[in-house]
Each structure stands twice: as structure tokens, then as C-alpha cells.
Amino acid sequence: MVINVFLDDLRKCPDGFVLARNVDECVLLLQECEVEVLSLDYHLGGKETGFDVAMWIVDNKKWPKEIFLHTSDPVAREQMYHLLQSHAPENVHIHNGPMRRR
């Protein structure tokens, strides 16, 4: 099954996406489904962050085709972007910002 995943603990999930509210939910979706587009927030409440998901992707080589970073924290966004960009296969597109509304 091909899906799009939106990781965020507070924001409303956009149409066409499956919502993951925490790291475990997001990782489970990455493990069980083919994820075409992944959009990551950084701050997830508590000690969990979108960086944890980014590290899991790098460590497990389970890459979506496209990753957006919709966090409003510019320092965290840069941190996730550099980690993902430096390890991503050539066919994966990493966007240093949110998806554009259509």
C-alpha cells in the first residue's frame, strides 16, 4: 500500500495523508507501508522529535520518495535537512520547508 505520512502532534493532517502523532506511529507506517511523501515536524511533545524519525530513516535505509520539513523551528529544520540530505539516495527529494498548498 502506498501512502503519504504527516508527522505532527498538534497540526491538522492535510487531505491525502495519514496522520502520525508520535515517532512510534511514524516508524510503524514507514516499516509497514510504502511511503511516497513524508512531512516531518520537529517538536512532538515530551522528548520525541522529528529528528528521531530522520535518524531511523538513515539507519534503516527506508526512504520515502519525498520528504518535507514543516517544523516552525528553523534550527531544528536545518539539522534534520542536513542529516537527511547528506544520506539520501539520489532519487529521494528532501525539501527544506513545508509542502506548498495547491
N, C-alpha and C. Protein backbone atom coordinates (compact mmCIF):
# COMPACT_ATOMS: atom_id res chain seq x y z
N MET A 1 0.84 -1.18 0.00
CA MET A 1 0.00 0.00 0.00
C MET A 1 0.89 1.25 0.00
N VAL A 2 0.61 2.19 -0.89
CA VAL A 2 1.36 3.44 -0.98
C VAL A 2 0.57 4.52 -0.23
N ILE A 3 1.26 5.22 0.70
CA ILE A 3 0.61 6.27 1.47
C ILE A 3 1.52 7.48 1.59
N ASN A 4 0.95 8.58 2.03
CA ASN A 4 1.68 9.78 2.43
C ASN A 4 1.50 9.93 3.93
N VAL A 5 2.55 10.35 4.65
CA VAL A 5 2.50 10.43 6.11
C VAL A 5 2.83 11.85 6.56
N PHE A 6 2.04 12.33 7.52
CA PHE A 6 2.22 13.65 8.12
C PHE A 6 2.47 13.44 9.60
N LEU A 7 3.69 13.73 10.06
CA LEU A 7 4.06 13.56 11.47
C LEU A 7 3.93 14.89 12.20
N ASP A 8 2.99 14.96 13.13
CA ASP A 8 2.78 16.19 13.89
C ASP A 8 1.90 15.88 15.09
N ASP A 9 2.22 16.45 16.24
CA ASP A 9 1.43 16.18 17.44
C ASP A 9 0.29 17.18 17.62
N LEU A 10 0.27 18.28 16.87
CA LEU A 10 -0.76 19.29 17.06
C LEU A 10 -1.51 19.70 15.79
N ARG A 11 -0.81 19.84 14.68
CA ARG A 11 -1.42 20.36 13.46
C ARG A 11 -2.43 19.39 12.86
N LYS A 12 -3.37 19.97 12.12
CA LYS A 12 -4.36 19.18 11.37
C LYS A 12 -3.67 18.50 10.20
N CYS A 13 -4.03 17.28 9.96
CA CYS A 13 -3.44 16.49 8.88
C CYS A 13 -4.04 16.93 7.55
N PRO A 14 -3.18 17.20 6.55
CA PRO A 14 -3.70 17.58 5.24
C PRO A 14 -4.41 16.41 4.55
N ASP A 15 -5.31 16.76 3.65
CA ASP A 15 -6.00 15.73 2.86
C ASP A 15 -4.99 14.89 2.11
N GLY A 16 -5.26 13.61 2.01
CA GLY A 16 -4.39 12.70 1.27
C GLY A 16 -3.23 12.15 2.07
N PHE A 17 -3.20 12.45 3.37
CA PHE A 17 -2.12 12.00 4.25
C PHE A 17 -2.67 11.17 5.39
N VAL A 18 -1.84 10.27 5.90
CA VAL A 18 -2.13 9.52 7.13
C VAL A 18 -1.39 10.24 8.25
N LEU A 19 -2.09 10.51 9.35
CA LEU A 19 -1.51 11.23 10.47
C LEU A 19 -0.76 10.30 11.41
N ALA A 20 0.46 10.68 11.76
CA ALA A 20 1.22 10.02 12.83
C ALA A 20 1.45 11.09 13.89
N ARG A 21 1.05 10.83 15.11
CA ARG A 21 1.18 11.81 16.19
C ARG A 21 2.48 11.67 16.97
N ASN A 22 3.21 10.55 16.78
CA ASN A 22 4.46 10.37 17.52
C ASN A 22 5.44 9.54 16.69
N VAL A 23 6.64 9.39 17.21
CA VAL A 23 7.71 8.67 16.50
C VAL A 23 7.33 7.22 16.24
N ASP A 24 6.79 6.54 17.24
CA ASP A 24 6.45 5.12 17.06
C ASP A 24 5.43 4.91 15.95
N GLU A 25 4.40 5.75 15.90
CA GLU A 25 3.39 5.63 14.84
C GLU A 25 4.02 5.86 13.47
N CYS A 26 4.89 6.85 13.37
CA CYS A 26 5.53 7.18 12.09
C CYS A 26 6.45 6.04 11.64
N VAL A 27 7.25 5.52 12.53
CA VAL A 27 8.16 4.42 12.20
C VAL A 27 7.36 3.18 11.79
N LEU A 28 6.26 2.89 12.48
CA LEU A 28 5.43 1.75 12.11
C LEU A 28 4.90 1.90 10.68
N LEU A 29 4.45 3.09 10.33
CA LEU A 29 3.96 3.33 8.96
C LEU A 29 5.10 3.18 7.95
N LEU A 30 6.28 3.67 8.28
CA LEU A 30 7.44 3.52 7.38
C LEU A 30 7.82 2.04 7.20
N GLN A 31 7.68 1.27 8.26
CA GLN A 31 8.01 -0.16 8.19
C GLN A 31 6.97 -0.95 7.41
N GLU A 32 5.70 -0.64 7.60
CA GLU A 32 4.62 -1.46 7.07
C GLU A 32 4.12 -1.04 5.69
N CYS A 33 4.38 0.20 5.28
CA CYS A 33 3.80 0.71 4.03
C CYS A 33 4.89 1.31 3.15
N GLU A 34 4.56 1.48 1.90
CA GLU A 34 5.43 2.23 1.01
C GLU A 34 5.02 3.70 1.14
N VAL A 35 5.90 4.52 1.69
CA VAL A 35 5.59 5.93 1.92
C VAL A 35 6.15 6.74 0.76
N GLU A 36 5.26 7.41 0.05
CA GLU A 36 5.68 8.23 -1.07
C GLU A 36 6.15 9.60 -0.59
N VAL A 37 5.32 10.26 0.25
CA VAL A 37 5.66 11.59 0.77
C VAL A 37 5.59 11.54 2.29
N LEU A 38 6.61 12.08 2.94
CA LEU A 38 6.66 12.19 4.40
C LEU A 38 6.88 13.65 4.75
N SER A 39 6.05 14.17 5.65
CA SER A 39 6.22 15.54 6.11
C SER A 39 6.47 15.50 7.62
N LEU A 40 7.58 16.09 8.05
CA LEU A 40 8.04 15.97 9.44
C LEU A 40 7.96 17.28 10.21
N ASP A 41 7.39 17.20 11.40
CA ASP A 41 7.51 18.26 12.40
C ASP A 41 8.71 17.88 13.27
N TYR A 42 9.22 18.82 14.04
CA TYR A 42 10.33 18.51 14.93
C TYR A 42 9.83 18.26 16.35
N HIS A 43 9.20 19.26 16.96
CA HIS A 43 8.75 19.15 18.35
C HIS A 43 7.47 18.34 18.43
N LEU A 44 7.52 17.21 19.13
CA LEU A 44 6.38 16.30 19.20
C LEU A 44 5.85 16.15 20.62
N GLY A 45 6.24 17.02 21.50
CA GLY A 45 5.84 16.89 22.90
C GLY A 45 6.76 15.90 23.59
N GLY A 46 7.04 16.15 24.82
CA GLY A 46 7.95 15.25 25.54
C GLY A 46 9.35 15.30 24.95
N LYS A 47 10.00 14.16 24.93
CA LYS A 47 11.39 14.09 24.45
C LYS A 47 11.48 13.66 22.99
N GLU A 48 10.37 13.27 22.37
CA GLU A 48 10.40 12.81 20.99
C GLU A 48 10.51 13.98 20.02
N THR A 49 11.22 13.73 18.92
CA THR A 49 11.36 14.76 17.88
C THR A 49 11.32 14.12 16.49
N GLY A 50 11.07 14.96 15.51
CA GLY A 50 11.16 14.50 14.13
C GLY A 50 12.56 14.06 13.76
N PHE A 51 13.56 14.57 14.47
CA PHE A 51 14.94 14.14 14.23
C PHE A 51 15.09 12.65 14.52
N ASP A 52 14.34 12.15 15.50
CA ASP A 52 14.38 10.70 15.80
C ASP A 52 13.92 9.89 14.59
N VAL A 53 12.89 10.37 13.90
CA VAL A 53 12.41 9.69 12.70
C VAL A 53 13.46 9.80 11.59
N ALA A 54 14.04 10.98 11.44
CA ALA A 54 15.08 11.17 10.42
C ALA A 54 16.25 10.21 10.65
N MET A 55 16.67 10.08 11.90
CA MET A 55 17.76 9.14 12.23
C MET A 55 17.34 7.70 11.92
N TRP A 56 16.10 7.34 12.23
CA TRP A 56 15.62 6.00 11.94
C TRP A 56 15.67 5.72 10.43
N ILE A 57 15.25 6.69 9.64
CA ILE A 57 15.27 6.54 8.18
C ILE A 57 16.70 6.31 7.70
N VAL A 58 17.63 7.11 8.18
CA VAL A 58 19.04 6.98 7.78
C VAL A 58 19.59 5.62 8.22
N ASP A 59 19.34 5.24 9.45
CA ASP A 59 19.88 3.98 9.99
C ASP A 59 19.29 2.75 9.31
N ASN A 60 18.01 2.82 8.93
CA ASN A 60 17.32 1.65 8.38
C ASN A 60 17.18 1.68 6.87
N LYS A 61 17.65 2.78 6.27
CA LYS A 61 17.61 2.92 4.80
C LYS A 61 16.22 2.65 4.24
N LYS A 62 15.21 3.19 4.90
CA LYS A 62 13.81 3.05 4.48
C LYS A 62 13.30 4.44 4.07
N TRP A 63 13.64 4.82 2.84
CA TRP A 63 13.43 6.18 2.37
C TRP A 63 12.10 6.37 1.63
N PRO A 64 11.33 7.38 2.04
CA PRO A 64 10.21 7.80 1.20
C PRO A 64 10.77 8.45 -0.07
N LYS A 65 9.91 8.64 -1.07
CA LYS A 65 10.39 9.28 -2.30
C LYS A 65 10.63 10.77 -2.11
N GLU A 66 9.89 11.38 -1.17
CA GLU A 66 9.98 12.82 -0.96
C GLU A 66 9.76 13.12 0.51
N ILE A 67 10.58 14.03 1.08
CA ILE A 67 10.44 14.41 2.48
C ILE A 67 10.36 15.93 2.57
N PHE A 68 9.33 16.41 3.28
CA PHE A 68 9.19 17.84 3.57
C PHE A 68 9.40 18.05 5.06
N LEU A 69 9.93 19.20 5.43
CA LEU A 69 10.17 19.53 6.83
C LEU A 69 9.30 20.73 7.17
N HIS A 70 8.15 20.47 7.80
CA HIS A 70 7.20 21.54 8.07
C HIS A 70 7.32 22.16 9.46
N THR A 71 8.35 21.81 10.20
CA THR A 71 8.53 22.38 11.53
C THR A 71 8.73 23.90 11.45
N SER A 72 8.24 24.60 12.46
CA SER A 72 8.43 26.06 12.51
C SER A 72 9.72 26.44 13.23
N ASP A 73 10.49 25.47 13.68
CA ASP A 73 11.77 25.71 14.35
C ASP A 73 12.88 25.71 13.30
N PRO A 74 13.43 26.89 12.94
CA PRO A 74 14.41 26.95 11.85
C PRO A 74 15.71 26.20 12.14
N VAL A 75 16.15 26.18 13.38
CA VAL A 75 17.38 25.47 13.73
C VAL A 75 17.17 23.96 13.60
N ALA A 76 16.06 23.48 14.10
CA ALA A 76 15.75 22.05 14.01
C ALA A 76 15.55 21.64 12.56
N ARG A 77 14.90 22.49 11.77
CA ARG A 77 14.68 22.18 10.35
C ARG A 77 16.02 22.02 9.64
N GLU A 78 16.96 22.91 9.88
CA GLU A 78 18.29 22.82 9.26
C GLU A 78 19.00 21.55 9.70
N GLN A 79 18.89 21.21 10.96
CA GLN A 79 19.53 20.00 11.49
C GLN A 79 18.99 18.75 10.79
N MET A 80 17.66 18.66 10.67
CA MET A 80 17.07 17.50 10.00
C MET A 80 17.41 17.50 8.52
N TYR A 81 17.38 18.67 7.90
CA TYR A 81 17.67 18.76 6.47
C TYR A 81 19.08 18.27 6.17
N HIS A 82 20.06 18.74 6.94
CA HIS A 82 21.45 18.34 6.68
C HIS A 82 21.67 16.85 6.91
N LEU A 83 21.06 16.30 7.94
CA LEU A 83 21.17 14.86 8.18
C LEU A 83 20.59 14.08 7.00
N LEU A 84 19.37 14.40 6.61
CA LEU A 84 18.71 13.67 5.54
C LEU A 84 19.39 13.88 4.20
N GLN A 85 19.73 15.13 3.89
CA GLN A 85 20.33 15.45 2.60
C GLN A 85 21.69 14.76 2.43
N SER A 86 22.43 14.64 3.51
CA SER A 86 23.77 14.05 3.41
C SER A 86 23.74 12.52 3.25
N HIS A 87 22.59 11.89 3.52
CA HIS A 87 22.49 10.43 3.43
C HIS A 87 21.49 9.93 2.39
N ALA A 88 20.69 10.82 1.85
CA ALA A 88 19.61 10.40 0.95
C ALA A 88 20.14 9.86 -0.37
N PRO A 89 19.52 8.81 -0.88
CA PRO A 89 19.85 8.34 -2.22
C PRO A 89 19.49 9.42 -3.24
N GLU A 90 20.08 9.32 -4.42
CA GLU A 90 19.87 10.35 -5.45
C GLU A 90 18.42 10.52 -5.85
N ASN A 91 17.63 9.47 -5.78
CA ASN A 91 16.24 9.54 -6.23
C ASN A 91 15.27 10.07 -5.17
N VAL A 92 15.76 10.43 -3.99
CA VAL A 92 14.92 10.96 -2.91
C VAL A 92 15.08 12.48 -2.86
N HIS A 93 13.94 13.17 -2.79
CA HIS A 93 13.95 14.64 -2.76
C HIS A 93 13.67 15.11 -1.33
N ILE A 94 14.60 15.90 -0.79
CA ILE A 94 14.45 16.46 0.55
C ILE A 94 14.15 17.95 0.39
N HIS A 95 13.07 18.43 1.00
CA HIS A 95 12.66 19.83 0.91
C HIS A 95 12.87 20.50 2.26
N ASN A 96 13.60 21.59 2.27
CA ASN A 96 13.89 22.32 3.49
C ASN A 96 12.76 23.30 3.79
N GLY A 97 11.57 22.76 3.96
CA GLY A 97 10.40 23.57 4.25
C GLY A 97 9.14 22.75 4.03
N PRO A 98 7.98 23.38 4.27
CA PRO A 98 6.71 22.67 4.16
C PRO A 98 6.26 22.50 2.72
N MET A 99 5.26 21.66 2.54
CA MET A 99 4.64 21.49 1.22
C MET A 99 3.91 22.79 0.87
N ARG A 100 3.88 23.10 -0.40
CA ARG A 100 3.11 24.26 -0.83
C ARG A 100 1.67 23.85 -1.02
N ARG A 101 0.81 24.71 -0.58
CA ARG A 101 -0.64 24.44 -0.73
C ARG A 101 -1.04 24.60 -2.17
N ARG A 102 -1.89 23.71 -2.64
CA ARG A 102 -2.32 23.75 -4.02
C ARG A 102 -3.68 24.38 -4.15
